[in-house]
Structures are given as C-alpha cells and as structure tokens.
Amino acid sequence: CARCAGGNNAGHTIVVPIGPEKKKTTFAFHLLPSGLINP
C-alpha cells in the first residue's frame, strides 16, 4: 500500500478489531499508509 502525495496533513480514521479479544480499536493515520492495518 503506497502513499503518493501530501504529508501528515491527511487524516484517515479506521475502526478495526485488534488482538485475541478482537477489541474494536480506532486508528488515526496521518502520514503512514492505512494499508498497514493488514499485517
């Protein structure tokens, strides 16, 4: 997953289950590609 432009002025919010308990967690991406959610 690649970012092509902009900087940390961008903002992407993603709500996903994380860990063995599948606890819903809100991740705020600014500079890093959101695709990192996929391990």
PDB file of all heavy atoms in Angstrom:
ATOM      1  N   CYS A   1       0.864  -1.184   0.000  1.00  0.00           N
ATOM      2  CA  CYS A   1       0.000   0.000   0.000  1.00  0.00           C
ATOM      3  C   CYS A   1       0.897   1.229   0.000  1.00  0.00           C
ATOM      4  O   CYS A   1       1.759   1.379   0.869  1.00  0.00           O
ATOM      5  CB  CYS A   1      -0.915   0.005   1.225  1.00  0.00           C
ATOM      6  SG  CYS A   1      -1.999   1.455   1.319  1.00  0.00           S
ATOM      7  N   ALA A   2       0.726   2.103  -0.983  1.00  0.00           N
ATOM      8  CA  ALA A   2       1.630   3.237  -1.163  1.00  0.00           C
ATOM      9  C   ALA A   2       0.908   4.576  -1.086  1.00  0.00           C
ATOM     10  O   ALA A   2      -0.209   4.718  -1.595  1.00  0.00           O
ATOM     11  CB  ALA A   2       2.334   3.125  -2.515  1.00  0.00           C
ATOM     12  N   ARG A   3       1.549   5.534  -0.422  1.00  0.00           N
ATOM     13  CA  ARG A   3       1.124   6.933  -0.438  1.00  0.00           C
ATOM     14  C   ARG A   3       1.923   7.667  -1.509  1.00  0.00           C
ATOM     15  O   ARG A   3       3.132   7.478  -1.632  1.00  0.00           O
ATOM     16  CB  ARG A   3       1.399   7.596   0.913  1.00  0.00           C
ATOM     17  CG  ARG A   3       0.382   7.330   2.014  1.00  0.00           C
ATOM     18  CD  ARG A   3      -0.847   8.228   1.929  1.00  0.00           C
ATOM     19  NE  ARG A   3      -0.514   9.634   1.821  1.00  0.00           N
ATOM     20  CZ  ARG A   3      -0.293  10.446   2.852  1.00  0.00           C
ATOM     21  NH1 ARG A   3      -0.356   9.975   4.082  1.00  0.00           N
ATOM     22  NH2 ARG A   3      -0.015  11.712   2.657  1.00  0.00           N
ATOM     23  N   CYS A   4       1.267   8.517  -2.287  1.00  0.00           N
ATOM     24  CA  CYS A   4       1.935   9.166  -3.415  1.00  0.00           C
ATOM     25  C   CYS A   4       2.085  10.674  -3.259  1.00  0.00           C
ATOM     26  O   CYS A   4       2.881  11.289  -3.982  1.00  0.00           O
ATOM     27  CB  CYS A   4       1.190   8.869  -4.716  1.00  0.00           C
ATOM     28  SG  CYS A   4      -0.537   9.438  -4.726  1.00  0.00           S
ATOM     29  N   ALA A   5       1.345  11.313  -2.372  1.00  0.00           N
ATOM     30  CA  ALA A   5       1.381  12.777  -2.261  1.00  0.00           C
ATOM     31  C   ALA A   5       0.894  13.210  -0.894  1.00  0.00           C
ATOM     32  O   ALA A   5       0.406  12.411  -0.101  1.00  0.00           O
ATOM     33  CB  ALA A   5       0.518  13.412  -3.362  1.00  0.00           C
ATOM     34  N   GLY A   6       1.037  14.512  -0.614  1.00  0.00           N
ATOM     35  CA  GLY A   6       0.593  15.062   0.660  1.00  0.00           C
ATOM     36  C   GLY A   6       1.588  14.773   1.764  1.00  0.00           C
ATOM     37  O   GLY A   6       2.724  14.357   1.525  1.00  0.00           O
ATOM     38  N   GLY A   7       1.153  15.002   2.990  1.00  0.00           N
ATOM     39  CA  GLY A   7       2.013  14.774   4.151  1.00  0.00           C
ATOM     40  C   GLY A   7       1.164  14.377   5.326  1.00  0.00           C
ATOM     41  O   GLY A   7       0.135  13.717   5.163  1.00  0.00           O
ATOM     42  N   ASN A   8       1.550  14.818   6.520  1.00  0.00           N
ATOM     43  CA  ASN A   8       0.741  14.475   7.692  1.00  0.00           C
ATOM     44  C   ASN A   8      -0.394  15.470   7.902  1.00  0.00           C
ATOM     45  O   ASN A   8      -0.958  15.583   8.983  1.00  0.00           O
ATOM     46  CB  ASN A   8       1.604  14.355   8.953  1.00  0.00           C
ATOM     47  CG  ASN A   8       2.278  15.645   9.348  1.00  0.00           C
ATOM     48  OD1 ASN A   8       2.729  16.412   8.494  1.00  0.00           O
ATOM     49  ND2 ASN A   8       2.373  15.907  10.635  1.00  0.00           N
ATOM     50  N   ASN A   9      -0.754  16.174   6.804  1.00  0.00           N
ATOM     51  CA  ASN A   9      -1.985  16.978   6.796  1.00  0.00           C
ATOM     52  C   ASN A   9      -3.189  16.108   6.459  1.00  0.00           C
ATOM     53  O   ASN A   9      -4.330  16.539   6.598  1.00  0.00           O
ATOM     54  CB  ASN A   9      -1.882  18.130   5.797  1.00  0.00           C
ATOM     55  CG  ASN A   9      -1.616  17.660   4.367  1.00  0.00           C
ATOM     56  OD1 ASN A   9      -1.014  16.606   4.141  1.00  0.00           O
ATOM     57  ND2 ASN A   9      -2.028  18.444   3.393  1.00  0.00           N
ATOM     58  N   ALA A  10      -2.932  14.886   5.967  1.00  0.00           N
ATOM     59  CA  ALA A  10      -4.022  13.961   5.682  1.00  0.00           C
ATOM     60  C   ALA A  10      -4.483  13.324   6.989  1.00  0.00           C
ATOM     61  O   ALA A  10      -3.753  13.303   7.968  1.00  0.00           O
ATOM     62  CB  ALA A  10      -3.548  12.885   4.709  1.00  0.00           C
ATOM     63  N   GLY A  11      -5.693  12.773   6.980  1.00  0.00           N
ATOM     64  CA  GLY A  11      -6.189  12.107   8.178  1.00  0.00           C
ATOM     65  C   GLY A  11      -7.182  11.022   7.836  1.00  0.00           C
ATOM     66  O   GLY A  11      -8.238  11.309   7.287  1.00  0.00           O
ATOM     67  N   HIS A  12      -6.834   9.783   8.110  1.00  0.00           N
ATOM     68  CA  HIS A  12      -7.721   8.652   7.848  1.00  0.00           C
ATOM     69  C   HIS A  12      -7.978   7.916   9.155  1.00  0.00           C
ATOM     70  O   HIS A  12      -7.046   7.498   9.829  1.00  0.00           O
ATOM     71  CB  HIS A  12      -7.081   7.695   6.833  1.00  0.00           C
ATOM     72  CG  HIS A  12      -6.846   8.309   5.496  1.00  0.00           C
ATOM     73  ND1 HIS A  12      -5.990   7.772   4.568  1.00  0.00           N
ATOM     74  CD2 HIS A  12      -7.354   9.419   4.923  1.00  0.00           C
ATOM     75  CE1 HIS A  12      -5.969   8.525   3.486  1.00  0.00           C
ATOM     76  NE2 HIS A  12      -6.788   9.534   3.682  1.00  0.00           N
ATOM     77  N   THR A  13      -9.248   7.781   9.522  1.00  0.00           N
ATOM     78  CA  THR A  13      -9.621   7.087  10.748  1.00  0.00           C
ATOM     79  C   THR A  13     -10.201   5.726  10.407  1.00  0.00           C
ATOM     80  O   THR A  13     -11.087   5.612   9.561  1.00  0.00           O
ATOM     81  CB  THR A  13     -10.660   7.901  11.544  1.00  0.00           C
ATOM     82  OG1 THR A  13     -10.114   9.192  11.821  1.00  0.00           O
ATOM     83  CG2 THR A  13     -11.001   7.211  12.843  1.00  0.00           C
ATOM     84  N   ILE A  14      -9.691   4.683  11.073  1.00  0.00           N
ATOM     85  CA  ILE A  14     -10.149   3.321  10.812  1.00  0.00           C
ATOM     86  C   ILE A  14     -10.475   2.650  12.144  1.00  0.00           C
ATOM     87  O   ILE A  14      -9.699   2.732  13.097  1.00  0.00           O
ATOM     88  CB  ILE A  14      -9.064   2.506  10.080  1.00  0.00           C
ATOM     89  CG1 ILE A  14      -8.736   3.157   8.736  1.00  0.00           C
ATOM     90  CG2 ILE A  14      -9.509   1.074   9.857  1.00  0.00           C
ATOM     91  CD1 ILE A  14      -7.554   2.539   8.028  1.00  0.00           C
ATOM     92  N   VAL A  15     -11.638   1.992  12.204  1.00  0.00           N
ATOM     93  CA  VAL A  15     -12.058   1.264  13.405  1.00  0.00           C
ATOM     94  C   VAL A  15     -12.006  -0.225  13.094  1.00  0.00           C
ATOM     95  O   VAL A  15     -12.750  -0.711  12.231  1.00  0.00           O
ATOM     96  CB  VAL A  15     -13.476   1.679  13.842  1.00  0.00           C
ATOM     97  CG1 VAL A  15     -13.870   0.941  15.123  1.00  0.00           C
ATOM     98  CG2 VAL A  15     -13.573   3.183  14.036  1.00  0.00           C
ATOM     99  N   VAL A  16     -11.115  -0.973  13.775  1.00  0.00           N
ATOM    100  CA  VAL A  16     -10.957  -2.400  13.492  1.00  0.00           C
ATOM    101  C   VAL A  16     -10.755  -3.188  14.783  1.00  0.00           C
ATOM    102  O   VAL A  16     -10.261  -2.660  15.776  1.00  0.00           O
ATOM    103  CB  VAL A  16      -9.749  -2.672  12.555  1.00  0.00           C
ATOM    104  CG1 VAL A  16      -9.989  -2.100  11.182  1.00  0.00           C
ATOM    105  CG2 VAL A  16      -8.471  -2.116  13.140  1.00  0.00           C
ATOM    106  N   PRO A  17     -11.126  -4.482  14.762  1.00  0.00           N
ATOM    107  CA  PRO A  17     -10.862  -5.335  15.929  1.00  0.00           C
ATOM    108  C   PRO A  17      -9.399  -5.759  15.962  1.00  0.00           C
ATOM    109  O   PRO A  17      -8.835  -6.162  14.951  1.00  0.00           O
ATOM    110  CB  PRO A  17     -11.784  -6.533  15.694  1.00  0.00           C
ATOM    111  CG  PRO A  17     -12.023  -6.574  14.220  1.00  0.00           C
ATOM    112  CD  PRO A  17     -11.911  -5.166  13.726  1.00  0.00           C
ATOM    113  N   ILE A  18      -8.784  -5.667  17.124  1.00  0.00           N
ATOM    114  CA  ILE A  18      -7.358  -5.989  17.275  1.00  0.00           C
ATOM    115  C   ILE A  18      -7.163  -6.966  18.435  1.00  0.00           C
ATOM    116  O   ILE A  18      -7.839  -6.865  19.465  1.00  0.00           O
ATOM    117  CB  ILE A  18      -6.541  -4.702  17.534  1.00  0.00           C
ATOM    118  CG1 ILE A  18      -6.478  -3.858  16.253  1.00  0.00           C
ATOM    119  CG2 ILE A  18      -5.132  -5.003  18.000  1.00  0.00           C
ATOM    120  CD1 ILE A  18      -5.609  -4.437  15.165  1.00  0.00           C
ATOM    121  N   GLY A  19      -6.213  -7.874  18.275  1.00  0.00           N
ATOM    122  CA  GLY A  19      -5.827  -8.770  19.361  1.00  0.00           C
ATOM    123  C   GLY A  19      -6.739  -9.971  19.519  1.00  0.00           C
ATOM    124  O   GLY A  19      -7.771 -10.092  18.838  1.00  0.00           O
ATOM    125  N   PRO A  20      -6.376 -10.872  20.443  1.00  0.00           N
ATOM    126  CA  PRO A  20      -7.154 -12.107  20.666  1.00  0.00           C
ATOM    127  C   PRO A  20      -8.603 -11.830  21.057  1.00  0.00           C
ATOM    128  O   PRO A  20      -9.505 -12.594  20.728  1.00  0.00           O
ATOM    129  CB  PRO A  20      -6.403 -12.806  21.809  1.00  0.00           C
ATOM    130  CG  PRO A  20      -5.038 -12.197  21.827  1.00  0.00           C
ATOM    131  CD  PRO A  20      -5.188 -10.803  21.323  1.00  0.00           C
ATOM    132  N   GLU A  21      -8.815 -10.716  21.775  1.00  0.00           N
ATOM    133  CA  GLU A  21     -10.168 -10.393  22.232  1.00  0.00           C
ATOM    134  C   GLU A  21     -10.972  -9.641  21.176  1.00  0.00           C
ATOM    135  O   GLU A  21     -12.145  -9.334  21.374  1.00  0.00           O
ATOM    136  CB  GLU A  21     -10.094  -9.552  23.517  1.00  0.00           C
ATOM    137  CG  GLU A  21      -9.437 -10.283  24.677  1.00  0.00           C
ATOM    138  CD  GLU A  21      -9.287  -9.395  25.900  1.00  0.00           C
ATOM    139  OE1 GLU A  21      -9.654  -8.196  25.813  1.00  0.00           O
ATOM    140  OE2 GLU A  21      -8.815  -9.894  26.934  1.00  0.00           O
ATOM    141  N   LYS A  22     -10.315  -9.325  20.041  1.00  0.00           N
ATOM    142  CA  LYS A  22     -10.961  -8.597  18.934  1.00  0.00           C
ATOM    143  C   LYS A  22     -11.620  -7.308  19.416  1.00  0.00           C
ATOM    144  O   LYS A  22     -12.751  -6.975  19.050  1.00  0.00           O
ATOM    145  CB  LYS A  22     -12.012  -9.487  18.242  1.00  0.00           C
ATOM    146  CG  LYS A  22     -11.438 -10.758  17.627  1.00  0.00           C
ATOM    147  CD  LYS A  22     -10.461 -10.448  16.514  1.00  0.00           C
ATOM    148  CE  LYS A  22      -9.897 -11.700  15.863  1.00  0.00           C
ATOM    149  NZ  LYS A  22      -8.876 -11.399  14.851  1.00  0.00           N
ATOM    150  N   LYS A  23     -10.877  -6.592  20.255  1.00  0.00           N
ATOM    151  CA  LYS A  23     -11.380  -5.328  20.773  1.00  0.00           C
ATOM    152  C   LYS A  23     -11.354  -4.268  19.677  1.00  0.00           C
ATOM    153  O   LYS A  23     -10.336  -4.075  19.017  1.00  0.00           O
ATOM    154  CB  LYS A  23     -10.517  -4.867  21.949  1.00  0.00           C
ATOM    155  CG  LYS A  23     -10.974  -3.577  22.579  1.00  0.00           C
ATOM    156  CD  LYS A  23     -10.029  -3.147  23.696  1.00  0.00           C
ATOM    157  CE  LYS A  23     -10.451  -1.809  24.278  1.00  0.00           C
ATOM    158  NZ  LYS A  23      -9.504  -1.337  25.313  1.00  0.00           N
ATOM    159  N   LYS A  24     -12.484  -3.588  19.485  1.00  0.00           N
ATOM    160  CA  LYS A  24     -12.547  -2.552  18.451  1.00  0.00           C
ATOM    161  C   LYS A  24     -11.631  -1.390  18.836  1.00  0.00           C
ATOM    162  O   LYS A  24     -11.758  -0.804  19.906  1.00  0.00           O
ATOM    163  CB  LYS A  24     -13.975  -2.068  18.249  1.00  0.00           C
ATOM    164  CG  LYS A  24     -14.833  -3.048  17.468  1.00  0.00           C
ATOM    165  CD  LYS A  24     -16.167  -2.460  17.055  1.00  0.00           C
ATOM    166  CE  LYS A  24     -16.955  -3.446  16.219  1.00  0.00           C
ATOM    167  NZ  LYS A  24     -18.271  -2.903  15.810  1.00  0.00           N
ATOM    168  N   THR A  25     -10.717  -1.070  17.930  1.00  0.00           N
ATOM    169  CA  THR A  25      -9.719  -0.037  18.186  1.00  0.00           C
ATOM    170  C   THR A  25      -9.763   0.993  17.073  1.00  0.00           C
ATOM    171  O   THR A  25      -9.866   0.637  15.899  1.00  0.00           O
ATOM    172  CB  THR A  25      -8.308  -0.664  18.261  1.00  0.00           C
ATOM    173  OG1 THR A  25      -8.315  -1.711  19.233  1.00  0.00           O
ATOM    174  CG2 THR A  25      -7.256   0.367  18.633  1.00  0.00           C
ATOM    175  N   THR A  26      -9.697   2.256  17.443  1.00  0.00           N
ATOM    176  CA  THR A  26      -9.689   3.339  16.455  1.00  0.00           C
ATOM    177  C   THR A  26      -8.255   3.761  16.163  1.00  0.00           C
ATOM    178  O   THR A  26      -7.528   4.177  17.071  1.00  0.00           O
ATOM    179  CB  THR A  26     -10.491   4.555  16.965  1.00  0.00           C
ATOM    180  OG1 THR A  26     -11.837   4.146  17.218  1.00  0.00           O
ATOM    181  CG2 THR A  26     -10.498   5.669  15.936  1.00  0.00           C
ATOM    182  N   PHE A  27      -7.857   3.634  14.915  1.00  0.00           N
ATOM    183  CA  PHE A  27      -6.527   4.048  14.485  1.00  0.00           C
ATOM    184  C   PHE A  27      -6.645   5.322  13.660  1.00  0.00           C
ATOM    185  O   PHE A  27      -7.477   5.411  12.753  1.00  0.00           O
ATOM    186  CB  PHE A  27      -5.870   2.961  13.631  1.00  0.00           C
ATOM    187  CG  PHE A  27      -5.532   1.714  14.392  1.00  0.00           C
ATOM    188  CD1 PHE A  27      -6.399   0.631  14.411  1.00  0.00           C
ATOM    189  CD2 PHE A  27      -4.347   1.617  15.103  1.00  0.00           C
ATOM    190  CE1 PHE A  27      -6.099  -0.521  15.110  1.00  0.00           C
ATOM    191  CE2 PHE A  27      -4.030   0.469  15.809  1.00  0.00           C
ATOM    192  CZ  PHE A  27      -4.904  -0.596  15.817  1.00  0.00           C
ATOM    193  N   ALA A  28      -5.801   6.297  13.980  1.00  0.00           N
ATOM    194  CA  ALA A  28      -5.769   7.556  13.218  1.00  0.00           C
ATOM    195  C   ALA A  28      -4.470   7.610  12.411  1.00  0.00           C
ATOM    196  O   ALA A  28      -3.386   7.699  12.981  1.00  0.00           O
ATOM    197  CB  ALA A  28      -5.870   8.742  14.161  1.00  0.00           C
ATOM    198  N   PHE A  29      -4.600   7.535  11.100  1.00  0.00           N
ATOM    199  CA  PHE A  29      -3.446   7.632  10.207  1.00  0.00           C
ATOM    200  C   PHE A  29      -3.341   9.053   9.666  1.00  0.00           C
ATOM    201  O   PHE A  29      -4.348   9.682   9.330  1.00  0.00           O
ATOM    202  CB  PHE A  29      -3.601   6.653   9.039  1.00  0.00           C
ATOM    203  CG  PHE A  29      -3.396   5.220   9.417  1.00  0.00           C
ATOM    204  CD1 PHE A  29      -4.449   4.466   9.918  1.00  0.00           C
ATOM    205  CD2 PHE A  29      -2.164   4.621   9.278  1.00  0.00           C
ATOM    206  CE1 PHE A  29      -4.273   3.138  10.272  1.00  0.00           C
ATOM    207  CE2 PHE A  29      -1.968   3.286   9.627  1.00  0.00           C
ATOM    208  CZ  PHE A  29      -3.028   2.550  10.125  1.00  0.00           C
ATOM    209  N   HIS A  30      -2.115   9.532   9.558  1.00  0.00           N
ATOM    210  CA  HIS A  30      -1.877  10.865   9.015  1.00  0.00           C
ATOM    211  C   HIS A  30      -0.868  10.815   7.870  1.00  0.00           C
ATOM    212  O   HIS A  30      -1.148  11.247   6.765  1.00  0.00           O
ATOM    213  CB  HIS A  30      -1.394  11.811  10.117  1.00  0.00           C
ATOM    214  CG  HIS A  30      -2.343  11.918  11.268  1.00  0.00           C
ATOM    215  ND1 HIS A  30      -3.471  12.707  11.227  1.00  0.00           N
ATOM    216  CD2 HIS A  30      -2.362  11.306  12.479  1.00  0.00           C
ATOM    217  CE1 HIS A  30      -4.138  12.588  12.374  1.00  0.00           C
ATOM    218  NE2 HIS A  30      -3.484  11.737  13.146  1.00  0.00           N
ATOM    219  N   LEU A  31       0.297  10.294   8.147  1.00  0.00           N
ATOM    220  CA  LEU A  31       1.363  10.187   7.154  1.00  0.00           C
ATOM    221  C   LEU A  31       1.536   8.755   6.661  1.00  0.00           C
ATOM    222  O   LEU A  31       1.819   8.514   5.491  1.00  0.00           O
ATOM    223  CB  LEU A  31       2.680  10.686   7.763  1.00  0.00           C
ATOM    224  CG  LEU A  31       3.928  10.626   6.891  1.00  0.00           C
ATOM    225  CD1 LEU A  31       3.781  11.535   5.666  1.00  0.00           C
ATOM    226  CD2 LEU A  31       5.159  11.031   7.701  1.00  0.00           C
ATOM    227  N   LEU A  32       1.342   7.793   7.532  1.00  0.00           N
ATOM    228  CA  LEU A  32       1.560   6.393   7.193  1.00  0.00           C
ATOM    229  C   LEU A  32       0.387   5.830   6.390  1.00  0.00           C
ATOM    230  O   LEU A  32      -0.757   6.225   6.611  1.00  0.00           O
ATOM    231  CB  LEU A  32       1.762   5.563   8.465  1.00  0.00           C
ATOM    232  CG  LEU A  32       3.176   5.511   9.045  1.00  0.00           C
ATOM    233  CD1 LEU A  32       3.740   6.894   9.319  1.00  0.00           C
ATOM    234  CD2 LEU A  32       3.192   4.678  10.317  1.00  0.00           C
ATOM    235  N   PRO A  33       0.661   4.916   5.450  1.00  0.00           N
ATOM    236  CA  PRO A  33      -0.416   4.308   4.655  1.00  0.00           C
ATOM    237  C   PRO A  33      -1.368   3.493   5.526  1.00  0.00           C
ATOM    238  O   PRO A  33      -0.939   2.720   6.388  1.00  0.00           O
ATOM    239  CB  PRO A  33       0.336   3.390   3.677  1.00  0.00           C
ATOM    240  CG  PRO A  33       1.740   3.914   3.646  1.00  0.00           C
ATOM    241  CD  PRO A  33       1.998   4.471   5.012  1.00  0.00           C
ATOM    242  N   SER A  34      -2.668   3.642   5.283  1.00  0.00           N
ATOM    243  CA  SER A  34      -3.677   2.933   6.078  1.00  0.00           C
ATOM    244  C   SER A  34      -3.618   1.431   5.879  1.00  0.00           C
ATOM    245  O   SER A  34      -4.084   0.669   6.732  1.00  0.00           O
ATOM    246  CB  SER A  34      -5.084   3.419   5.704  1.00  0.00           C
ATOM    247  OG  SER A  34      -5.190   4.809   5.766  1.00  0.00           O
ATOM    248  N   GLY A  35      -3.049   0.987   4.755  1.00  0.00           N
ATOM    249  CA  GLY A  35      -2.961  -0.440   4.478  1.00  0.00           C
ATOM    250  C   GLY A  35      -2.142  -1.206   5.485  1.00  0.00           C
ATOM    251  O   GLY A  35      -2.195  -2.443   5.527  1.00  0.00           O
ATOM    252  N   LEU A  36      -1.390  -0.513   6.332  1.00  0.00           N
ATOM    253  CA  LEU A  36      -0.607  -1.169   7.376  1.00  0.00           C
ATOM    254  C   LEU A  36      -1.479  -1.931   8.370  1.00  0.00           C
ATOM    255  O   LEU A  36      -0.983  -2.781   9.112  1.00  0.00           O
ATOM    256  CB  LEU A  36       0.242  -0.140   8.130  1.00  0.00           C
ATOM    257  CG  LEU A  36       1.454   0.426   7.372  1.00  0.00           C
ATOM    258  CD1 LEU A  36       2.028   1.620   8.110  1.00  0.00           C
ATOM    259  CD2 LEU A  36       2.522  -0.639   7.160  1.00  0.00           C
ATOM    260  N   ILE A  37      -2.771  -1.631   8.391  1.00  0.00           N
ATOM    261  CA  ILE A  37      -3.710  -2.362   9.242  1.00  0.00           C
ATOM    262  C   ILE A  37      -3.648  -3.858   8.939  1.00  0.00           C
ATOM    263  O   ILE A  37      -3.795  -4.694   9.813  1.00  0.00           O
ATOM    264  CB  ILE A  37      -5.152  -1.824   9.034  1.00  0.00           C
ATOM    265  CG1 ILE A  37      -5.314  -0.453   9.693  1.00  0.00           C
ATOM    266  CG2 ILE A  37      -6.179  -2.790   9.561  1.00  0.00           C
ATOM    267  CD1 ILE A  37      -5.416  -0.477  11.191  1.00  0.00           C
ATOM    268  N   ASN A  38      -3.430  -4.186   7.641  1.00  0.00           N
ATOM    269  CA  ASN A  38      -3.271  -5.584   7.240  1.00  0.00           C
ATOM    270  C   ASN A  38      -1.848  -6.028   7.578  1.00  0.00           C
ATOM    271  O   ASN A  38      -0.890  -5.509   7.005  1.00  0.00           O
ATOM    272  CB  ASN A  38      -3.542  -5.734   5.744  1.00  0.00           C
ATOM    273  CG  ASN A  38      -3.175  -7.117   5.221  1.00  0.00           C
ATOM    274  OD1 ASN A  38      -3.008  -8.060   5.998  1.00  0.00           O
ATOM    275  ND2 ASN A  38      -3.038  -7.229   3.916  1.00  0.00           N
ATOM    276  N   PRO A  39      -1.661  -6.986   8.489  1.00  0.00           N
ATOM    277  CA  PRO A  39      -0.313  -7.374   8.918  1.00  0.00           C
ATOM    278  C   PRO A  39       0.544  -7.992   7.819  1.00  0.00           C
ATOM    279  O   PRO A  39       1.754  -8.119   7.968  1.00  0.00           O
ATOM    280  CB  PRO A  39      -0.575  -8.389  10.044  1.00  0.00           C
ATOM    281  CG  PRO A  39      -1.961  -8.859   9.840  1.00  0.00           C
ATOM    282  CD  PRO A  39      -2.705  -7.736   9.219  1.00  0.00           C
TER     283      PRO A  39
END
